[in-house]
Amino acid sequence: MDLGISGLNALILGGTKGLGLSCARALVQAGVHVVLNGRDEPGGQAAAAELGNGTGFIAGDVSDPASRRQIFKGARARLGPIAILVTNSGGPPPGPLETHDHAVWLKALENNMLAAIDFASMALPDMREAGFGRIVNITSFTVREPYPNMGLATGVRAGLTGAMASLASEVAAQGITINNLLPGLMDTGALKRVYDAQAAREGITAQRAKQRMAESIPMRRLGTAEDFGPVCAFLCSRQASYMTGQNVTVDGGLVRALL
């Protein structure tokens, strides 16, 4: 399928590995010019080289407001106007809600909520001028169905979901769509931290904790990056022009919510 976005420019935050990289790969395959962001300079340069098609990399920490501005400025200088923005960042630590102190909450807000809002605000002028824009925020299935010991991540991402829902309605008539992509239990480094923590708390092996997670999913397997990227690319496409303010879950049937 021709997604109708070949030649457009995209900034992918947290795009050097895992789900972000999968989104970047699908967009490059659709002919999009991509700049990746991440904190690991060697890893980011390697990811950009592997994707090819002139993919660039800009190092920076999205949890830092000053760094956010430099990342966006650098991406725009390299590519020109940004038509597609994918926001993504590593989740905050798992654990019982009462174990997270005030500083941890503030860091999570900067990293997993305020960063995405800042980047969207910076991208909107280009999108408004073009009469076209796509913003996809990678959040989590826990926004729709809370998961034990994930209260910190769920709290800040739920806040982001509310803010983006409001923004989506504000810019819908300008050709700009804003949607959230909710991964389920995906076989990534982020999930490994979760099942390693479960294993430590419960005195079981990490492999058993991982297997138990897979068994909880109707498809009986963890998701992969390859399950995720094409959905991201579709939400960025012209074919998805009548979808906005949506929370699209990629989870193998894990979430049992009716709506």
C-alpha atoms as a PDB file:
ATOM      1  CA  MET A   1       0.000   0.000   0.000  1.00  0.00           C
ATOM      2  CA  ASP A   2       1.259   3.482  -0.878  1.00  0.00           C
ATOM      3  CA  LEU A   3       0.924   5.479   2.348  1.00  0.00           C
ATOM      4  CA  GLY A   4       1.136   8.775   0.475  1.00  0.00           C
ATOM      5  CA  ILE A   5       3.898  10.202   2.669  1.00  0.00           C
ATOM      6  CA  SER A   6       7.011   9.583   0.582  1.00  0.00           C
ATOM      7  CA  GLY A   7       9.309  12.594   0.681  1.00  0.00           C
ATOM      8  CA  LEU A   8       7.953  13.989   3.949  1.00  0.00           C
ATOM      9  CA  ASN A   9      10.140  14.618   6.992  1.00  0.00           C
ATOM     10  CA  ALA A  10       9.847  12.843  10.347  1.00  0.00           C
ATOM     11  CA  LEU A  11      11.429  13.166  13.769  1.00  0.00           C
ATOM     12  CA  ILE A  12      11.358   9.963  15.810  1.00  0.00           C
ATOM     13  CA  LEU A  13      12.113  10.409  19.518  1.00  0.00           C
ATOM     14  CA  GLY A  14      13.607   7.418  21.287  1.00  0.00           C
ATOM     15  CA  GLY A  15      14.017   5.988  17.828  1.00  0.00           C
ATOM     16  CA  THR A  16      17.317   4.145  18.051  1.00  0.00           C
ATOM     17  CA  LYS A  17      16.008   0.806  19.315  1.00  0.00           C
ATOM     18  CA  GLY A  18      12.891  -1.163  20.174  1.00  0.00           C
ATOM     19  CA  LEU A  19       9.489   0.214  19.265  1.00  0.00           C
ATOM     20  CA  GLY A  20      10.742   3.623  18.203  1.00  0.00           C
ATOM     21  CA  LEU A  21      13.210   2.067  15.784  1.00  0.00           C
ATOM     22  CA  SER A  22      10.454  -0.154  14.399  1.00  0.00           C
ATOM     23  CA  CYS A  23       8.375   2.957  13.651  1.00  0.00           C
ATOM     24  CA  ALA A  24      11.363   4.604  12.015  1.00  0.00           C
ATOM     25  CA  ARG A  25      12.040   1.540   9.871  1.00  0.00           C
ATOM     26  CA  ALA A  26       8.446   1.409   8.624  1.00  0.00           C
ATOM     27  CA  LEU A  27       8.501   5.115   7.788  1.00  0.00           C
ATOM     28  CA  VAL A  28      11.802   4.841   5.923  1.00  0.00           C
ATOM     29  CA  GLN A  29      10.288   1.971   3.925  1.00  0.00           C
ATOM     30  CA  ALA A  30       7.408   4.331   3.055  1.00  0.00           C
ATOM     31  CA  GLY A  31       9.908   6.828   1.640  1.00  0.00           C
ATOM     32  CA  VAL A  32       9.952   9.256   4.570  1.00  0.00           C
ATOM     33  CA  HIS A  33      13.104  11.218   5.443  1.00  0.00           C
ATOM     34  CA  VAL A  34      13.846  10.432   9.086  1.00  0.00           C
ATOM     35  CA  VAL A  35      15.926  11.813  11.925  1.00  0.00           C
ATOM     36  CA  LEU A  36      16.283   9.597  14.976  1.00  0.00           C
ATOM     37  CA  ASN A  37      16.821  10.841  18.499  1.00  0.00           C
ATOM     38  CA  GLY A  38      18.321   8.993  21.444  1.00  0.00           C
ATOM     39  CA  ARG A  39      20.898   9.369  24.195  1.00  0.00           C
ATOM     40  CA  ASP A  40      23.364   6.748  22.955  1.00  0.00           C
ATOM     41  CA  GLU A  41      25.545   8.370  20.281  1.00  0.00           C
ATOM     42  CA  PRO A  42      27.249   5.191  18.953  1.00  0.00           C
ATOM     43  CA  GLY A  43      23.997   3.223  19.025  1.00  0.00           C
ATOM     44  CA  GLY A  44      22.094   6.033  17.345  1.00  0.00           C
ATOM     45  CA  GLN A  45      24.628   6.443  14.565  1.00  0.00           C
ATOM     46  CA  ALA A  46      24.580   2.681  13.978  1.00  0.00           C
ATOM     47  CA  ALA A  47      20.769   2.622  13.839  1.00  0.00           C
ATOM     48  CA  ALA A  48      20.707   5.505  11.362  1.00  0.00           C
ATOM     49  CA  ALA A  49      23.276   3.792   9.147  1.00  0.00           C
ATOM     50  CA  GLU A  50      21.329   0.541   9.263  1.00  0.00           C
ATOM     51  CA  LEU A  51      18.111   2.268   8.142  1.00  0.00           C
ATOM     52  CA  GLY A  52      19.860   4.046   5.274  1.00  0.00           C
ATOM     53  CA  ASN A  53      18.011   6.457   2.963  1.00  0.00           C
ATOM     54  CA  GLY A  54      19.926   9.382   4.494  1.00  0.00           C
ATOM     55  CA  THR A  55      18.544   8.759   7.979  1.00  0.00           C
ATOM     56  CA  GLY A  56      20.122  11.093  10.522  1.00  0.00           C
ATOM     57  CA  PHE A  57      20.692  10.965  14.240  1.00  0.00           C
ATOM     58  CA  ILE A  58      20.648  13.692  16.885  1.00  0.00           C
ATOM     59  CA  ALA A  59      21.760  12.863  20.412  1.00  0.00           C
ATOM     60  CA  GLY A  60      19.836  14.377  23.281  1.00  0.00           C
ATOM     61  CA  ASP A  61      17.840  13.712  26.425  1.00  0.00           C
ATOM     62  CA  VAL A  62      14.128  14.458  25.981  1.00  0.00           C
ATOM     63  CA  SER A  63      13.670  14.751  29.750  1.00  0.00           C
ATOM     64  CA  ASP A  64      15.676  18.010  29.681  1.00  0.00           C
ATOM     65  CA  PRO A  65      13.761  21.061  28.366  1.00  0.00           C
ATOM     66  CA  ALA A  66      16.886  22.729  26.943  1.00  0.00           C
ATOM     67  CA  SER A  67      17.917  19.520  25.195  1.00  0.00           C
ATOM     68  CA  ARG A  68      14.428  19.198  23.707  1.00  0.00           C
ATOM     69  CA  ARG A  69      14.778  22.540  21.957  1.00  0.00           C
ATOM     70  CA  GLN A  70      18.189  21.601  20.572  1.00  0.00           C
ATOM     71  CA  ILE A  71      16.920  18.246  19.297  1.00  0.00           C
ATOM     72  CA  PHE A  72      14.048  19.850  17.412  1.00  0.00           C
ATOM     73  CA  LYS A  73      16.197  22.675  16.062  1.00  0.00           C
ATOM     74  CA  GLY A  74      18.790  20.164  14.832  1.00  0.00           C
ATOM     75  CA  ALA A  75      16.207  17.930  13.165  1.00  0.00           C
ATOM     76  CA  ARG A  76      14.614  20.855  11.382  1.00  0.00           C
ATOM     77  CA  ALA A  77      17.988  22.183  10.251  1.00  0.00           C
ATOM     78  CA  ARG A  78      18.819  18.798   8.749  1.00  0.00           C
ATOM     79  CA  LEU A  79      15.451  17.975   7.185  1.00  0.00           C
ATOM     80  CA  GLY A  80      13.419  21.135   6.811  1.00  0.00           C
ATOM     81  CA  PRO A  81       9.798  21.392   7.983  1.00  0.00           C
ATOM     82  CA  ILE A  82       8.684  18.473  10.158  1.00  0.00           C
ATOM     83  CA  ALA A  83       5.507  16.770   8.931  1.00  0.00           C
ATOM     84  CA  ILE A  84       5.585  13.683  11.155  1.00  0.00           C
ATOM     85  CA  LEU A  85       6.464  13.475  14.839  1.00  0.00           C
ATOM     86  CA  VAL A  86       6.646  10.230  16.802  1.00  0.00           C
ATOM     87  CA  THR A  87       7.166  10.742  20.529  1.00  0.00           C
ATOM     88  CA  ASN A  88       8.655   7.950  22.592  1.00  0.00           C
ATOM     89  CA  SER A  89      10.781   7.621  25.705  1.00  0.00           C
ATOM     90  CA  GLY A  90      11.745   4.952  28.192  1.00  0.00           C
ATOM     91  CA  GLY A  91       9.201   4.339  30.890  1.00  0.00           C
ATOM     92  CA  PRO A  92       9.714   5.246  34.540  1.00  0.00           C
ATOM     93  CA  PRO A  93      10.620   2.522  37.038  1.00  0.00           C
ATOM     94  CA  PRO A  94       7.992  -0.053  38.000  1.00  0.00           C
ATOM     95  CA  GLY A  95       7.028  -0.701  41.602  1.00  0.00           C
ATOM     96  CA  PRO A  96       4.302  -0.014  44.167  1.00  0.00           C
ATOM     97  CA  LEU A  97       3.018   3.546  43.986  1.00  0.00           C
ATOM     98  CA  GLU A  98       4.135   4.508  47.477  1.00  0.00           C
ATOM     99  CA  THR A  99       7.759   3.615  46.740  1.00  0.00           C
ATOM    100  CA  HIS A 100       8.235   6.515  44.301  1.00  0.00           C
ATOM    101  CA  ASP A 101       9.303   9.787  45.900  1.00  0.00           C
ATOM    102  CA  HIS A 102       8.524  13.305  44.689  1.00  0.00           C
ATOM    103  CA  ALA A 103      11.695  13.571  42.603  1.00  0.00           C
ATOM    104  CA  VAL A 104      10.881  10.363  40.740  1.00  0.00           C
ATOM    105  CA  TRP A 105       7.406  11.669  39.909  1.00  0.00           C
ATOM    106  CA  LEU A 106       8.818  14.947  38.603  1.00  0.00           C
ATOM    107  CA  LYS A 107      11.353  13.124  36.433  1.00  0.00           C
ATOM    108  CA  ALA A 108       8.613  10.892  35.013  1.00  0.00           C
ATOM    109  CA  LEU A 109       6.451  13.914  34.208  1.00  0.00           C
ATOM    110  CA  GLU A 110       9.304  15.560  32.304  1.00  0.00           C
ATOM    111  CA  ASN A 111      10.264  12.390  30.447  1.00  0.00           C
ATOM    112  CA  ASN A 112       6.902  10.803  29.674  1.00  0.00           C
ATOM    113  CA  MET A 113       4.447  13.706  29.524  1.00  0.00           C
ATOM    114  CA  LEU A 114       5.928  17.175  29.215  1.00  0.00           C
ATOM    115  CA  ALA A 115       8.520  16.136  26.620  1.00  0.00           C
ATOM    116  CA  ALA A 116       5.846  14.959  24.173  1.00  0.00           C
ATOM    117  CA  ILE A 117       3.797  18.114  24.740  1.00  0.00           C
ATOM    118  CA  ASP A 118       6.836  20.334  24.118  1.00  0.00           C
ATOM    119  CA  PHE A 119       7.784  18.571  20.896  1.00  0.00           C
ATOM    120  CA  ALA A 120       4.206  18.682  19.618  1.00  0.00           C
ATOM    121  CA  SER A 121       4.102  22.422  20.327  1.00  0.00           C
ATOM    122  CA  MET A 122       7.340  22.941  18.407  1.00  0.00           C
ATOM    123  CA  ALA A 123       6.143  20.875  15.437  1.00  0.00           C
ATOM    124  CA  LEU A 124       2.705  22.461  15.052  1.00  0.00           C
ATOM    125  CA  PRO A 125       3.761  25.640  13.194  1.00  0.00           C
ATOM    126  CA  ASP A 126       5.274  23.627  10.319  1.00  0.00           C
ATOM    127  CA  MET A 127       2.250  21.356  10.214  1.00  0.00           C
ATOM    128  CA  ARG A 128      -0.213  24.239  10.210  1.00  0.00           C
ATOM    129  CA  GLU A 129       1.628  25.951   7.370  1.00  0.00           C
ATOM    130  CA  ALA A 130       1.593  22.756   5.307  1.00  0.00           C
ATOM    131  CA  GLY A 131      -2.012  21.901   6.119  1.00  0.00           C
ATOM    132  CA  PHE A 132      -0.790  18.408   7.023  1.00  0.00           C
ATOM    133  CA  GLY A 133       0.700  16.842  10.112  1.00  0.00           C
ATOM    134  CA  ARG A 134       0.876  13.570  11.961  1.00  0.00           C
ATOM    135  CA  ILE A 135       1.740  13.190  15.644  1.00  0.00           C
ATOM    136  CA  VAL A 136       1.888   9.698  17.136  1.00  0.00           C
ATOM    137  CA  ASN A 137       2.643   9.268  20.825  1.00  0.00           C
ATOM    138  CA  ILE A 138       3.861   5.864  21.984  1.00  0.00           C
ATOM    139  CA  THR A 139       2.311   5.335  25.421  1.00  0.00           C
ATOM    140  CA  SER A 140       1.184   2.035  26.986  1.00  0.00           C
ATOM    141  CA  PHE A 141      -1.749  -0.356  27.202  1.00  0.00           C
ATOM    142  CA  THR A 142      -1.904   0.494  30.916  1.00  0.00           C
ATOM    143  CA  VAL A 143      -3.627   3.764  29.993  1.00  0.00           C
ATOM    144  CA  ARG A 144      -6.656   1.625  29.112  1.00  0.00           C
ATOM    145  CA  GLU A 145      -6.224  -1.159  31.666  1.00  0.00           C
ATOM    146  CA  PRO A 146      -4.064  -0.457  34.734  1.00  0.00           C
ATOM    147  CA  TYR A 147      -1.398  -3.065  35.456  1.00  0.00           C
ATOM    148  CA  PRO A 148       0.002  -3.905  38.917  1.00  0.00           C
ATOM    149  CA  ASN A 149       3.073  -1.936  40.010  1.00  0.00           C
ATOM    150  CA  MET A 150       2.870   0.381  36.992  1.00  0.00           C
ATOM    151  CA  GLY A 151       1.052   3.265  38.690  1.00  0.00           C
ATOM    152  CA  LEU A 152       3.793   5.816  38.044  1.00  0.00           C
ATOM    153  CA  ALA A 153       3.961   5.089  34.316  1.00  0.00           C
ATOM    154  CA  THR A 154       0.179   4.886  34.028  1.00  0.00           C
ATOM    155  CA  GLY A 155      -0.339   8.151  35.886  1.00  0.00           C
ATOM    156  CA  VAL A 156       1.935  10.295  33.749  1.00  0.00           C
ATOM    157  CA  ARG A 157       0.863   8.664  30.495  1.00  0.00           C
ATOM    158  CA  ALA A 158      -2.792   9.111  31.348  1.00  0.00           C
ATOM    159  CA  GLY A 159      -2.029  12.800  31.799  1.00  0.00           C
ATOM    160  CA  LEU A 160      -0.398  12.884  28.363  1.00  0.00           C
ATOM    161  CA  THR A 161      -3.409  11.090  26.878  1.00  0.00           C
ATOM    162  CA  GLY A 162      -5.761  13.750  28.208  1.00  0.00           C
ATOM    163  CA  ALA A 163      -3.627  16.639  26.980  1.00  0.00           C
ATOM    164  CA  MET A 164      -3.252  15.132  23.517  1.00  0.00           C
ATOM    165  CA  ALA A 165      -6.981  14.411  23.257  1.00  0.00           C
ATOM    166  CA  SER A 166      -7.675  18.093  23.808  1.00  0.00           C
ATOM    167  CA  LEU A 167      -4.983  19.153  21.328  1.00  0.00           C
ATOM    168  CA  ALA A 168      -6.277  16.716  18.708  1.00  0.00           C
ATOM    169  CA  SER A 169      -9.660  18.419  18.697  1.00  0.00           C
ATOM    170  CA  GLU A 170      -8.032  21.862  18.493  1.00  0.00           C
ATOM    171  CA  VAL A 171      -6.011  21.114  15.344  1.00  0.00           C
ATOM    172  CA  ALA A 172      -8.226  18.574  13.554  1.00  0.00           C
ATOM    173  CA  ALA A 173      -9.602  21.100  11.056  1.00  0.00           C
ATOM    174  CA  GLN A 174      -6.052  22.062  10.049  1.00  0.00           C
ATOM    175  CA  GLY A 175      -5.165  18.685   8.534  1.00  0.00           C
ATOM    176  CA  ILE A 176      -3.248  17.566  11.622  1.00  0.00           C
ATOM    177  CA  THR A 177      -4.013  14.287  13.372  1.00  0.00           C
ATOM    178  CA  ILE A 178      -2.816  13.241  16.807  1.00  0.00           C
ATOM    179  CA  ASN A 179      -3.113   9.639  17.923  1.00  0.00           C
ATOM    180  CA  ASN A 180      -1.608   7.469  20.635  1.00  0.00           C
ATOM    181  CA  LEU A 181      -0.162   4.030  20.001  1.00  0.00           C
ATOM    182  CA  LEU A 182      -0.440   1.728  23.020  1.00  0.00           C
ATOM    183  CA  PRO A 183       1.942  -1.247  23.058  1.00  0.00           C
ATOM    184  CA  GLY A 184       0.991  -4.248  25.130  1.00  0.00           C
ATOM    185  CA  LEU A 185       3.557  -6.643  26.558  1.00  0.00           C
ATOM    186  CA  MET A 186       6.259  -6.255  23.914  1.00  0.00           C
ATOM    187  CA  ASP A 187       9.496  -8.243  23.988  1.00  0.00           C
ATOM    188  CA  THR A 188      11.775  -5.237  24.478  1.00  0.00           C
ATOM    189  CA  GLY A 189      14.351  -4.051  26.987  1.00  0.00           C
ATOM    190  CA  ALA A 190      11.690  -1.973  28.739  1.00  0.00           C
ATOM    191  CA  LEU A 191       9.600  -5.078  29.438  1.00  0.00           C
ATOM    192  CA  LYS A 192      12.665  -6.978  30.596  1.00  0.00           C
ATOM    193  CA  ARG A 193      13.071  -4.445  33.394  1.00  0.00           C
ATOM    194  CA  VAL A 194       9.484  -5.128  34.452  1.00  0.00           C
ATOM    195  CA  TYR A 195       9.693  -8.924  34.534  1.00  0.00           C
ATOM    196  CA  ASP A 196      13.133  -8.815  36.139  1.00  0.00           C
ATOM    197  CA  ALA A 197      11.617  -6.692  38.926  1.00  0.00           C
ATOM    198  CA  GLN A 198       8.689  -9.110  39.270  1.00  0.00           C
ATOM    199  CA  ALA A 199      11.087 -12.045  39.467  1.00  0.00           C
ATOM    200  CA  ALA A 200      13.103 -10.351  42.197  1.00  0.00           C
ATOM    201  CA  ARG A 201      10.015  -9.506  44.252  1.00  0.00           C
ATOM    202  CA  GLU A 202       8.476 -12.966  43.952  1.00  0.00           C
ATOM    203  CA  GLY A 203      11.579 -15.132  44.121  1.00  0.00           C
ATOM    204  CA  ILE A 204      11.115 -16.703  40.696  1.00  0.00           C
ATOM    205  CA  THR A 205      13.351 -16.778  37.648  1.00  0.00           C
ATOM    206  CA  ALA A 206      13.192 -13.998  35.093  1.00  0.00           C
ATOM    207  CA  GLN A 207      12.402 -16.602  32.440  1.00  0.00           C
ATOM    208  CA  ARG A 208       9.379 -17.793  34.451  1.00  0.00           C
ATOM    209  CA  ALA A 209       8.158 -14.219  34.905  1.00  0.00           C
ATOM    210  CA  LYS A 210       8.523 -13.635  31.164  1.00  0.00           C
ATOM    211  CA  GLN A 211       6.726 -16.881  30.320  1.00  0.00           C
ATOM    212  CA  ARG A 212       3.882 -15.978  32.685  1.00  0.00           C
ATOM    213  CA  MET A 213       3.440 -12.661  30.904  1.00  0.00           C
ATOM    214  CA  ALA A 214       3.260 -14.385  27.528  1.00  0.00           C
ATOM    215  CA  GLU A 215       0.664 -16.833  28.857  1.00  0.00           C
ATOM    216  CA  SER A 216      -1.543 -13.946  29.980  1.00  0.00           C
ATOM    217  CA  ILE A 217      -1.984 -12.775  26.382  1.00  0.00           C
ATOM    218  CA  PRO A 218      -4.710 -14.361  24.214  1.00  0.00           C
ATOM    219  CA  MET A 219      -2.174 -14.818  21.386  1.00  0.00           C
ATOM    220  CA  ARG A 220       0.110 -16.596  23.891  1.00  0.00           C
ATOM    221  CA  ARG A 221       3.202 -14.648  22.921  1.00  0.00           C
ATOM    222  CA  LEU A 222       4.854 -11.347  23.624  1.00  0.00           C
ATOM    223  CA  GLY A 223       4.650  -8.695  20.936  1.00  0.00           C
ATOM    224  CA  THR A 224       7.604  -7.783  18.770  1.00  0.00           C
ATOM    225  CA  ALA A 225       8.830  -4.560  17.237  1.00  0.00           C
ATOM    226  CA  GLU A 226       7.776  -5.955  13.862  1.00  0.00           C
ATOM    227  CA  ASP A 227       4.167  -6.113  15.094  1.00  0.00           C
ATOM    228  CA  PHE A 228       4.308  -2.434  15.973  1.00  0.00           C
ATOM    229  CA  GLY A 229       6.078  -0.319  13.348  1.00  0.00           C
ATOM    230  CA  PRO A 230       3.637  -0.841  10.451  1.00  0.00           C
ATOM    231  CA  VAL A 231       0.734   0.341  12.634  1.00  0.00           C
ATOM    232  CA  CYS A 232       2.699   3.477  13.456  1.00  0.00           C
ATOM    233  CA  ALA A 233       3.367   4.123   9.769  1.00  0.00           C
ATOM    234  CA  PHE A 234      -0.309   3.709   8.949  1.00  0.00           C
ATOM    235  CA  LEU A 235      -1.306   6.310  11.553  1.00  0.00           C
ATOM    236  CA  CYS A 236       1.192   8.673   9.876  1.00  0.00           C
ATOM    237  CA  SER A 237      -0.263   8.010   6.436  1.00  0.00           C
ATOM    238  CA  ARG A 238      -2.741   9.950   4.338  1.00  0.00           C
ATOM    239  CA  GLN A 239      -5.069   6.933   4.524  1.00  0.00           C
ATOM    240  CA  ALA A 240      -5.476   7.619   8.257  1.00  0.00           C
ATOM    241  CA  SER A 241      -6.578  11.211   7.683  1.00  0.00           C
ATOM    242  CA  TYR A 242      -9.977  10.671   9.370  1.00  0.00           C
ATOM    243  CA  MET A 243      -8.511   9.155  12.540  1.00  0.00           C
ATOM    244  CA  THR A 244      -7.562  11.517  15.344  1.00  0.00           C
ATOM    245  CA  GLY A 245      -7.672  11.559  19.127  1.00  0.00           C
ATOM    246  CA  GLN A 246      -7.572   7.764  19.162  1.00  0.00           C
ATOM    247  CA  ASN A 247      -5.785   5.261  21.398  1.00  0.00           C
ATOM    248  CA  VAL A 248      -4.763   2.333  19.201  1.00  0.00           C
ATOM    249  CA  THR A 249      -3.747  -0.730  21.175  1.00  0.00           C
ATOM    250  CA  VAL A 250      -1.220  -3.212  19.764  1.00  0.00           C
ATOM    251  CA  ASP A 251      -1.364  -5.940  22.387  1.00  0.00           C
ATOM    252  CA  GLY A 252      -2.317  -9.375  21.047  1.00  0.00           C
ATOM    253  CA  GLY A 253      -5.732  -9.070  22.725  1.00  0.00           C
ATOM    254  CA  LEU A 254      -4.353  -8.381  26.209  1.00  0.00           C
ATOM    255  CA  VAL A 255      -6.655  -5.462  27.077  1.00  0.00           C
ATOM    256  CA  ARG A 256     -10.122  -6.740  27.896  1.00  0.00           C
ATOM    257  CA  ALA A 257     -11.853  -3.344  27.807  1.00  0.00           C
ATOM    258  CA  LEU A 258     -15.014  -3.261  25.690  1.00  0.00           C
ATOM    259  CA  LEU A 259     -14.153   0.169  24.249  1.00  0.00           C
END
